[in-house]
Amino acid sequence: MEDSINKKYKTYSLGMKQKTRIIQALMEEPNYLIIDEPFDGLDKNSQEMLKNILDNFISDQNNTLIFTTHSSEYELFADTIYKIDNFTLTEGK
């Protein structure tokens, strides 16, 4: 992101905007983090980095992470999974 420090936010790619939003949310050091599609728009390296960051966030027993995703790739990342299908909510795990 250092290469883009002097660029205007509106010129950022989807991935850059996503990174900026996540960094901003984590800077506040919240105990609860609710994010929508956090991996959307990120390349594979950034996805791996974000997985590590979020894993560190939830490793603190006082923190709670809630996120939405369309990808089953991140199911191993969750303690509890809720799936919505045809407006029906089911719990997994």
PDB file of N, CA and C in Angstrom:
ATOM      1  N   MET A   1       0.816  -1.191   0.000  1.00  0.00           N
ATOM      2  CA  MET A   1       0.000   0.000   0.000  1.00  0.00           C
ATOM      3  C   MET A   1       0.862   1.258   0.000  1.00  0.00           C
ATOM      4  N   GLU A   2       2.120   1.130   0.347  1.00  0.00           N
ATOM      5  CA  GLU A   2       2.991   2.304   0.381  1.00  0.00           C
ATOM      6  C   GLU A   2       3.069   2.991  -0.978  1.00  0.00           C
ATOM      7  N   ASP A   3       2.976   2.217  -2.053  1.00  0.00           N
ATOM      8  CA  ASP A   3       3.038   2.798  -3.395  1.00  0.00           C
ATOM      9  C   ASP A   3       1.854   3.719  -3.674  1.00  0.00           C
ATOM     10  N   SER A   4       0.765   3.532  -2.945  1.00  0.00           N
ATOM     11  CA  SER A   4      -0.463   4.287  -3.202  1.00  0.00           C
ATOM     12  C   SER A   4      -0.717   5.380  -2.183  1.00  0.00           C
ATOM     13  N   ILE A   5       0.246   5.698  -1.365  1.00  0.00           N
ATOM     14  CA  ILE A   5       0.046   6.646  -0.272  1.00  0.00           C
ATOM     15  C   ILE A   5      -0.421   8.018  -0.754  1.00  0.00           C
ATOM     16  N   ASN A   6      -0.003   8.432  -1.929  1.00  0.00           N
ATOM     17  CA  ASN A   6      -0.379   9.754  -2.428  1.00  0.00           C
ATOM     18  C   ASN A   6      -1.554   9.730  -3.400  1.00  0.00           C
ATOM     19  N   LYS A   7      -2.122   8.559  -3.620  1.00  0.00           N
ATOM     20  CA  LYS A   7      -3.291   8.454  -4.499  1.00  0.00           C
ATOM     21  C   LYS A   7      -4.553   8.799  -3.728  1.00  0.00           C
ATOM     22  N   LYS A   8      -5.564   9.259  -4.449  1.00  0.00           N
ATOM     23  CA  LYS A   8      -6.859   9.525  -3.838  1.00  0.00           C
ATOM     24  C   LYS A   8      -7.614   8.207  -3.685  1.00  0.00           C
ATOM     25  N   TYR A   9      -8.380   8.108  -2.602  1.00  0.00           N
ATOM     26  CA  TYR A   9      -9.121   6.887  -2.290  1.00  0.00           C
ATOM     27  C   TYR A   9      -9.997   6.456  -3.460  1.00  0.00           C
ATOM     28  N   LYS A  10     -10.645   7.400  -4.116  1.00  0.00           N
ATOM     29  CA  LYS A  10     -11.574   7.051  -5.195  1.00  0.00           C
ATOM     30  C   LYS A  10     -10.878   6.374  -6.379  1.00  0.00           C
ATOM     31  N   THR A  11      -9.556   6.497  -6.459  1.00  0.00           N
ATOM     32  CA  THR A  11      -8.825   5.847  -7.552  1.00  0.00           C
ATOM     33  C   THR A  11      -8.331   4.451  -7.180  1.00  0.00           C
ATOM     34  N   TYR A  12      -8.508   4.048  -5.926  1.00  0.00           N
ATOM     35  CA  TYR A  12      -8.061   2.730  -5.478  1.00  0.00           C
ATOM     36  C   TYR A  12      -8.873   1.630  -6.150  1.00  0.00           C
ATOM     37  N   SER A  13      -8.241   0.488  -6.337  1.00  0.00           N
ATOM     38  CA  SER A  13      -8.935  -0.698  -6.835  1.00  0.00           C
ATOM     39  C   SER A  13      -9.830  -1.236  -5.713  1.00  0.00           C
ATOM     40  N   LEU A  14     -10.696  -2.189  -6.041  1.00  0.00           N
ATOM     41  CA  LEU A  14     -11.565  -2.803  -5.041  1.00  0.00           C
ATOM     42  C   LEU A  14     -10.738  -3.420  -3.908  1.00  0.00           C
ATOM     43  N   GLY A  15      -9.654  -4.108  -4.258  1.00  0.00           N
ATOM     44  CA  GLY A  15      -8.793  -4.731  -3.256  1.00  0.00           C
ATOM     45  C   GLY A  15      -8.143  -3.713  -2.341  1.00  0.00           C
ATOM     46  N   MET A  16      -7.677  -2.615  -2.911  1.00  0.00           N
ATOM     47  CA  MET A  16      -7.048  -1.561  -2.110  1.00  0.00           C
ATOM     48  C   MET A  16      -8.062  -0.922  -1.168  1.00  0.00           C
ATOM     49  N   LYS A  17      -9.275  -0.700  -1.651  1.00  0.00           N
ATOM     50  CA  LYS A  17     -10.324  -0.132  -0.793  1.00  0.00           C
ATOM     51  C   LYS A  17     -10.646  -1.104   0.339  1.00  0.00           C
ATOM     52  N   GLN A  18     -10.702  -2.385   0.016  1.00  0.00           N
ATOM     53  CA  GLN A  18     -10.991  -3.403   1.032  1.00  0.00           C
ATOM     54  C   GLN A  18      -9.904  -3.414   2.107  1.00  0.00           C
ATOM     55  N   LYS A  19      -8.654  -3.374   1.702  1.00  0.00           N
ATOM     56  CA  LYS A  19      -7.547  -3.353   2.654  1.00  0.00           C
ATOM     57  C   LYS A  19      -7.632  -2.124   3.551  1.00  0.00           C
ATOM     58  N   THR A  20      -7.931  -0.981   2.960  1.00  0.00           N
ATOM     59  CA  THR A  20      -8.024   0.270   3.715  1.00  0.00           C
ATOM     60  C   THR A  20      -9.131   0.192   4.763  1.00  0.00           C
ATOM     61  N   ARG A  21     -10.286  -0.346   4.377  1.00  0.00           N
ATOM     62  CA  ARG A  21     -11.405  -0.471   5.320  1.00  0.00           C
ATOM     63  C   ARG A  21     -11.057  -1.400   6.481  1.00  0.00           C
ATOM     64  N   ILE A  22     -10.412  -2.514   6.191  1.00  0.00           N
ATOM     65  CA  ILE A  22     -10.062  -3.475   7.235  1.00  0.00           C
ATOM     66  C   ILE A  22      -9.017  -2.886   8.174  1.00  0.00           C
ATOM     67  N   ILE A  23      -8.010  -2.214   7.607  1.00  0.00           N
ATOM     68  CA  ILE A  23      -6.996  -1.567   8.442  1.00  0.00           C
ATOM     69  C   ILE A  23      -7.639  -0.543   9.355  1.00  0.00           C
ATOM     70  N   GLN A  24      -8.548   0.256   8.806  1.00  0.00           N
ATOM     71  CA  GLN A  24      -9.229   1.275   9.600  1.00  0.00           C
ATOM     72  C   GLN A  24     -10.023   0.642  10.743  1.00  0.00           C
ATOM     73  N   ALA A  25     -10.725  -0.435  10.459  1.00  0.00           N
ATOM     74  CA  ALA A  25     -11.522  -1.106  11.494  1.00  0.00           C
ATOM     75  C   ALA A  25     -10.632  -1.671  12.600  1.00  0.00           C
ATOM     76  N   LEU A  26      -9.502  -2.257  12.232  1.00  0.00           N
ATOM     77  CA  LEU A  26      -8.623  -2.878  13.222  1.00  0.00           C
ATOM     78  C   LEU A  26      -7.807  -1.859  14.021  1.00  0.00           C
ATOM     79  N   MET A  27      -7.600  -0.670  13.461  1.00  0.00           N
ATOM     80  CA  MET A  27      -6.840   0.372  14.164  1.00  0.00           C
ATOM     81  C   MET A  27      -7.519   0.784  15.470  1.00  0.00           C
ATOM     82  N   GLU A  28      -8.819   0.637  15.511  1.00  0.00           N
ATOM     83  CA  GLU A  28      -9.583   1.020  16.705  1.00  0.00           C
ATOM     84  C   GLU A  28      -9.470  -0.015  17.822  1.00  0.00           C
ATOM     85  N   GLU A  29      -8.830  -1.154  17.532  1.00  0.00           N
ATOM     86  CA  GLU A  29      -8.677  -2.259  18.469  1.00  0.00           C
ATOM     87  C   GLU A  29     -10.012  -2.671  19.105  1.00  0.00           C
ATOM     88  N   PRO A  30     -10.976  -3.031  18.257  1.00  0.00           N
ATOM     89  CA  PRO A  30     -12.302  -3.399  18.777  1.00  0.00           C
ATOM     90  C   PRO A  30     -12.292  -4.789  19.414  1.00  0.00           C
ATOM     91  N   ASN A  31     -13.279  -5.045  20.249  1.00  0.00           N
ATOM     92  CA  ASN A  31     -13.483  -6.391  20.780  1.00  0.00           C
ATOM     93  C   ASN A  31     -14.422  -7.189  19.884  1.00  0.00           C
ATOM     94  N   TYR A  32     -15.231  -6.474  19.103  1.00  0.00           N
ATOM     95  CA  TYR A  32     -16.168  -7.088  18.173  1.00  0.00           C
ATOM     96  C   TYR A  32     -15.887  -6.523  16.790  1.00  0.00           C
ATOM     97  N   LEU A  33     -15.829  -7.397  15.808  1.00  0.00           N
ATOM     98  CA  LEU A  33     -15.607  -6.957  14.433  1.00  0.00           C
ATOM     99  C   LEU A  33     -16.620  -7.664  13.549  1.00  0.00           C
ATOM    100  N   ILE A  34     -17.433  -6.890  12.867  1.00  0.00           N
ATOM    101  CA  ILE A  34     -18.435  -7.424  11.949  1.00  0.00           C
ATOM    102  C   ILE A  34     -18.095  -6.898  10.564  1.00  0.00           C
ATOM    103  N   ILE A  35     -17.767  -7.816   9.657  1.00  0.00           N
ATOM    104  CA  ILE A  35     -17.365  -7.401   8.320  1.00  0.00           C
ATOM    105  C   ILE A  35     -18.061  -8.242   7.257  1.00  0.00           C
ATOM    106  N   ASP A  36     -18.370  -7.596   6.163  1.00  0.00           N
ATOM    107  CA  ASP A  36     -19.076  -8.225   5.054  1.00  0.00           C
ATOM    108  C   ASP A  36     -18.084  -8.560   3.955  1.00  0.00           C
ATOM    109  N   GLU A  37     -17.979  -9.822   3.596  1.00  0.00           N
ATOM    110  CA  GLU A  37     -17.115 -10.287   2.514  1.00  0.00           C
ATOM    111  C   GLU A  37     -15.698  -9.712   2.612  1.00  0.00           C
ATOM    112  N   PRO A  38     -14.984  -9.968   3.715  1.00  0.00           N
ATOM    113  CA  PRO A  38     -13.659  -9.352   3.883  1.00  0.00           C
ATOM    114  C   PRO A  38     -12.622  -9.795   2.862  1.00  0.00           C
ATOM    115  N   PHE A  39     -12.816 -10.932   2.223  1.00  0.00           N
ATOM    116  CA  PHE A  39     -11.823 -11.444   1.275  1.00  0.00           C
ATOM    117  C   PHE A  39     -12.125 -11.036  -0.168  1.00  0.00           C
ATOM    118  N   ASP A  40     -13.248 -10.369  -0.375  1.00  0.00           N
ATOM    119  CA  ASP A  40     -13.663  -9.946  -1.706  1.00  0.00           C
ATOM    120  C   ASP A  40     -12.684  -8.925  -2.282  1.00  0.00           C
ATOM    121  N   GLY A  41     -12.227  -9.164  -3.482  1.00  0.00           N
ATOM    122  CA  GLY A  41     -11.352  -8.232  -4.168  1.00  0.00           C
ATOM    123  C   GLY A  41      -9.878  -8.361  -3.818  1.00  0.00           C
ATOM    124  N   LEU A  42      -9.541  -9.287  -2.933  1.00  0.00           N
ATOM    125  CA  LEU A  42      -8.145  -9.448  -2.523  1.00  0.00           C
ATOM    126  C   LEU A  42      -7.469 -10.554  -3.327  1.00  0.00           C
ATOM    127  N   ASP A  43      -6.199 -10.345  -3.669  1.00  0.00           N
ATOM    128  CA  ASP A  43      -5.438 -11.391  -4.340  1.00  0.00           C
ATOM    129  C   ASP A  43      -5.075 -12.469  -3.316  1.00  0.00           C
ATOM    130  N   LYS A  44      -4.548 -13.588  -3.780  1.00  0.00           N
ATOM    131  CA  LYS A  44      -4.254 -14.735  -2.900  1.00  0.00           C
ATOM    132  C   LYS A  44      -3.315 -14.362  -1.751  1.00  0.00           C
ATOM    133  N   ASN A  45      -2.274 -13.584  -2.032  1.00  0.00           N
ATOM    134  CA  ASN A  45      -1.341 -13.191  -0.967  1.00  0.00           C
ATOM    135  C   ASN A  45      -2.034 -12.347   0.086  1.00  0.00           C
ATOM    136  N   SER A  46      -2.864 -11.423  -0.354  1.00  0.00           N
ATOM    137  CA  SER A  46      -3.595 -10.571   0.588  1.00  0.00           C
ATOM    138  C   SER A  46      -4.623 -11.374   1.381  1.00  0.00           C
ATOM    139  N   GLN A  47      -5.241 -12.377   0.744  1.00  0.00           N
ATOM    140  CA  GLN A  47      -6.192 -13.232   1.451  1.00  0.00           C
ATOM    141  C   GLN A  47      -5.488 -13.996   2.564  1.00  0.00           C
ATOM    142  N   GLU A  48      -4.315 -14.524   2.270  1.00  0.00           N
ATOM    143  CA  GLU A  48      -3.550 -15.256   3.294  1.00  0.00           C
ATOM    144  C   GLU A  48      -3.141 -14.334   4.434  1.00  0.00           C
ATOM    145  N   MET A  49      -2.713 -13.126   4.089  1.00  0.00           N
ATOM    146  CA  MET A  49      -2.320 -12.161   5.108  1.00  0.00           C
ATOM    147  C   MET A  49      -3.520 -11.802   5.987  1.00  0.00           C
ATOM    148  N   LEU A  50      -4.681 -11.604   5.347  1.00  0.00           N
ATOM    149  CA  LEU A  50      -5.885 -11.269   6.114  1.00  0.00           C
ATOM    150  C   LEU A  50      -6.310 -12.428   7.007  1.00  0.00           C
ATOM    151  N   LYS A  51      -6.199 -13.670   6.520  1.00  0.00           N
ATOM    152  CA  LYS A  51      -6.512 -14.836   7.360  1.00  0.00           C
ATOM    153  C   LYS A  51      -5.662 -14.807   8.629  1.00  0.00           C
ATOM    154  N   ASN A  52      -4.381 -14.531   8.491  1.00  0.00           N
ATOM    155  CA  ASN A  52      -3.489 -14.461   9.653  1.00  0.00           C
ATOM    156  C   ASN A  52      -3.867 -13.325  10.586  1.00  0.00           C
ATOM    157  N   ILE A  53      -4.185 -12.176  10.020  1.00  0.00           N
ATOM    158  CA  ILE A  53      -4.579 -11.017  10.841  1.00  0.00           C
ATOM    159  C   ILE A  53      -5.854 -11.329  11.615  1.00  0.00           C
ATOM    160  N   LEU A  54      -6.849 -11.902  10.938  1.00  0.00           N
ATOM    161  CA  LEU A  54      -8.112 -12.217  11.613  1.00  0.00           C
ATOM    162  C   LEU A  54      -7.941 -13.349  12.616  1.00  0.00           C
ATOM    163  N   ASP A  55      -7.078 -14.302  12.305  1.00  0.00           N
ATOM    164  CA  ASP A  55      -6.793 -15.381  13.250  1.00  0.00           C
ATOM    165  C   ASP A  55      -6.165 -14.817  14.526  1.00  0.00           C
ATOM    166  N   ASN A  56      -5.247 -13.880  14.369  1.00  0.00           N
ATOM    167  CA  ASN A  56      -4.659 -13.216  15.543  1.00  0.00           C
ATOM    168  C   ASN A  56      -5.709 -12.427  16.309  1.00  0.00           C
ATOM    169  N   PHE A  57      -6.624 -11.789  15.575  1.00  0.00           N
ATOM    170  CA  PHE A  57      -7.690 -11.021  16.219  1.00  0.00           C
ATOM    171  C   PHE A  57      -8.555 -11.924  17.094  1.00  0.00           C
ATOM    172  N   ILE A  58      -8.950 -13.080  16.557  1.00  0.00           N
ATOM    173  CA  ILE A  58      -9.846 -13.945  17.327  1.00  0.00           C
ATOM    174  C   ILE A  58      -9.114 -14.812  18.340  1.00  0.00           C
ATOM    175  N   SER A  59      -7.795 -14.876  18.251  1.00  0.00           N
ATOM    176  CA  SER A  59      -7.057 -15.673  19.242  1.00  0.00           C
ATOM    177  C   SER A  59      -7.127 -15.029  20.624  1.00  0.00           C
ATOM    178  N   ASP A  60      -7.405 -13.732  20.646  1.00  0.00           N
ATOM    179  CA  ASP A  60      -7.643 -13.053  21.918  1.00  0.00           C
ATOM    180  C   ASP A  60      -9.039 -13.461  22.392  1.00  0.00           C
ATOM    181  N   GLN A  61      -9.126 -14.063  23.537  1.00  0.00           N
ATOM    182  CA  GLN A  61     -10.387 -14.609  24.043  1.00  0.00           C
ATOM    183  C   GLN A  61     -11.490 -13.560  24.210  1.00  0.00           C
ATOM    184  N   ASN A  62     -11.120 -12.298  24.265  1.00  0.00           N
ATOM    185  CA  ASN A  62     -12.117 -11.239  24.443  1.00  0.00           C
ATOM    186  C   ASN A  62     -12.675 -10.716  23.127  1.00  0.00           C
ATOM    187  N   ASN A  63     -12.170 -11.200  22.004  1.00  0.00           N
ATOM    188  CA  ASN A  63     -12.598 -10.684  20.710  1.00  0.00           C
ATOM    189  C   ASN A  63     -13.570 -11.630  20.014  1.00  0.00           C
ATOM    190  N   THR A  64     -14.492 -11.028  19.275  1.00  0.00           N
ATOM    191  CA  THR A  64     -15.470 -11.780  18.501  1.00  0.00           C
ATOM    192  C   THR A  64     -15.451 -11.272  17.075  1.00  0.00           C
ATOM    193  N   LEU A  65     -15.413 -12.196  16.122  1.00  0.00           N
ATOM    194  CA  LEU A  65     -15.423 -11.864  14.704  1.00  0.00           C
ATOM    195  C   LEU A  65     -16.660 -12.472  14.071  1.00  0.00           C
ATOM    196  N   ILE A  66     -17.402 -11.652  13.365  1.00  0.00           N
ATOM    197  CA  ILE A  66     -18.546 -12.112  12.581  1.00  0.00           C
ATOM    198  C   ILE A  66     -18.319 -11.624  11.163  1.00  0.00           C
ATOM    199  N   PHE A  67     -18.341 -12.547  10.203  1.00  0.00           N
ATOM    200  CA  PHE A  67     -18.188 -12.116   8.818  1.00  0.00           C
ATOM    201  C   PHE A  67     -19.061 -12.951   7.899  1.00  0.00           C
ATOM    202  N   THR A  68     -19.394 -12.365   6.766  1.00  0.00           N
ATOM    203  CA  THR A  68     -20.182 -13.061   5.756  1.00  0.00           C
ATOM    204  C   THR A  68     -19.263 -13.458   4.608  1.00  0.00           C
ATOM    205  N   THR A  69     -19.631 -14.545   3.947  1.00  0.00           N
ATOM    206  CA  THR A  69     -18.873 -14.971   2.770  1.00  0.00           C
ATOM    207  C   THR A  69     -19.739 -15.900   1.931  1.00  0.00           C
ATOM    208  N   HIS A  70     -19.444 -15.919   0.661  1.00  0.00           N
ATOM    209  CA  HIS A  70     -20.097 -16.862  -0.243  1.00  0.00           C
ATOM    210  C   HIS A  70     -19.235 -18.091  -0.469  1.00  0.00           C
ATOM    211  N   SER A  71     -18.020 -18.067   0.063  1.00  0.00           N
ATOM    212  CA  SER A  71     -17.054 -19.133  -0.176  1.00  0.00           C
ATOM    213  C   SER A  71     -16.996 -20.118   0.991  1.00  0.00           C
ATOM    214  N   SER A  72     -17.074 -21.396   0.691  1.00  0.00           N
ATOM    215  CA  SER A  72     -16.952 -22.412   1.738  1.00  0.00           C
ATOM    216  C   SER A  72     -15.489 -22.608   2.139  1.00  0.00           C
ATOM    217  N   GLU A  73     -14.579 -21.965   1.431  1.00  0.00           N
ATOM    218  CA  GLU A  73     -13.143 -22.069   1.708  1.00  0.00           C
ATOM    219  C   GLU A  73     -12.808 -21.628   3.135  1.00  0.00           C
ATOM    220  N   TYR A  74     -13.606 -20.748   3.689  1.00  0.00           N
ATOM    221  CA  TYR A  74     -13.289 -20.176   4.993  1.00  0.00           C
ATOM    222  C   TYR A  74     -14.039 -20.852   6.143  1.00  0.00           C
ATOM    223  N   GLU A  75     -14.735 -21.956   5.875  1.00  0.00           N
ATOM    224  CA  GLU A  75     -15.488 -22.645   6.923  1.00  0.00           C
ATOM    225  C   GLU A  75     -14.576 -23.173   8.029  1.00  0.00           C
ATOM    226  N   LEU A  76     -13.368 -23.579   7.698  1.00  0.00           N
ATOM    227  CA  LEU A  76     -12.437 -24.070   8.717  1.00  0.00           C
ATOM    228  C   LEU A  76     -11.997 -22.953   9.659  1.00  0.00           C
ATOM    229  N   PHE A  77     -12.237 -21.727   9.251  1.00  0.00           N
ATOM    230  CA  PHE A  77     -11.831 -20.547   9.986  1.00  0.00           C
ATOM    231  C   PHE A  77     -12.842 -20.207  11.096  1.00  0.00           C
ATOM    232  N   ALA A  78     -14.011 -20.845  11.080  1.00  0.00           N
ATOM    233  CA  ALA A  78     -15.113 -20.457  11.960  1.00  0.00           C
ATOM    234  C   ALA A  78     -15.394 -21.485  13.051  1.00  0.00           C
ATOM    235  N   ASP A  79     -15.846 -20.987  14.192  1.00  0.00           N
ATOM    236  CA  ASP A  79     -16.328 -21.862  15.266  1.00  0.00           C
ATOM    237  C   ASP A  79     -17.788 -22.227  15.047  1.00  0.00           C
ATOM    238  N   THR A  80     -18.557 -21.275  14.557  1.00  0.00           N
ATOM    239  CA  THR A  80     -19.975 -21.488  14.294  1.00  0.00           C
ATOM    240  C   THR A  80     -20.296 -20.942  12.911  1.00  0.00           C
ATOM    241  N   ILE A  81     -21.091 -21.689  12.168  1.00  0.00           N
ATOM    242  CA  ILE A  81     -21.470 -21.277  10.815  1.00  0.00           C
ATOM    243  C   ILE A  81     -22.987 -21.270  10.719  1.00  0.00           C
ATOM    244  N   TYR A  82     -23.510 -20.196  10.172  1.00  0.00           N
ATOM    245  CA  TYR A  82     -24.929 -20.113   9.869  1.00  0.00           C
ATOM    246  C   TYR A  82     -25.051 -19.977   8.362  1.00  0.00           C
ATOM    247  N   LYS A  83     -25.917 -20.767   7.760  1.00  0.00           N
ATOM    248  CA  LYS A  83     -26.129 -20.699   6.323  1.00  0.00           C
ATOM    249  C   LYS A  83     -27.549 -20.230   6.049  1.00  0.00           C
ATOM    250  N   ILE A  84     -27.666 -19.350   5.075  1.00  0.00           N
ATOM    251  CA  ILE A  84     -28.975 -18.867   4.644  1.00  0.00           C
ATOM    252  C   ILE A  84     -29.229 -19.410   3.251  1.00  0.00           C
ATOM    253  N   ASP A  85     -30.297 -20.155   3.102  1.00  0.00           N
ATOM    254  CA  ASP A  85     -30.674 -20.716   1.813  1.00  0.00           C
ATOM    255  C   ASP A  85     -32.165 -20.512   1.638  1.00  0.00           C
ATOM    256  N   ASN A  86     -32.539 -19.792   0.605  1.00  0.00           N
ATOM    257  CA  ASN A  86     -33.958 -19.477   0.371  1.00  0.00           C
ATOM    258  C   ASN A  86     -34.601 -18.866   1.609  1.00  0.00           C
ATOM    259  N   PHE A  87     -33.881 -17.956   2.226  1.00  0.00           N
ATOM    260  CA  PHE A  87     -34.345 -17.218   3.409  1.00  0.00           C
ATOM    261  C   PHE A  87     -34.582 -18.118   4.621  1.00  0.00           C
ATOM    262  N   THR A  88     -33.959 -19.307   4.631  1.00  0.00           N
ATOM    263  CA  THR A  88     -34.039 -20.211   5.765  1.00  0.00           C
ATOM    264  C   THR A  88     -32.653 -20.264   6.418  1.00  0.00           C
ATOM    265  N   LEU A  89     -32.602 -20.021   7.715  1.00  0.00           N
ATOM    266  CA  LEU A  89     -31.345 -20.004   8.451  1.00  0.00           C
ATOM    267  C   LEU A  89     -31.115 -21.360   9.096  1.00  0.00           C
ATOM    268  N   THR A  90     -29.953 -21.950   8.845  1.00  0.00           N
ATOM    269  CA  THR A  90     -29.587 -23.208   9.492  1.00  0.00           C
ATOM    270  C   THR A  90     -28.215 -23.053  10.120  1.00  0.00           C
ATOM    271  N   GLU A  91     -28.005 -23.761  11.214  1.00  0.00           N
ATOM    272  CA  GLU A  91     -26.712 -23.705  11.896  1.00  0.00           C
ATOM    273  C   GLU A  91     -25.916 -24.946  11.567  1.00  0.00           C
ATOM    274  N   GLY A  92     -24.642 -24.730  11.315  1.00  0.00           N
ATOM    275  CA  GLY A  92     -23.730 -25.840  11.075  1.00  0.00           C
ATOM    276  C   GLY A  92     -22.706 -25.888  12.181  1.00  0.00           C
ATOM    277  N   LYS A  93     -21.754 -26.773  12.066  1.00  0.00           N
ATOM    278  CA  LYS A  93     -20.652 -26.917  13.020  1.00  0.00           C
ATOM    279  C   LYS A  93     -21.176 -26.929  14.433  1.00  0.00           C
TER     280      LYS A  93
END
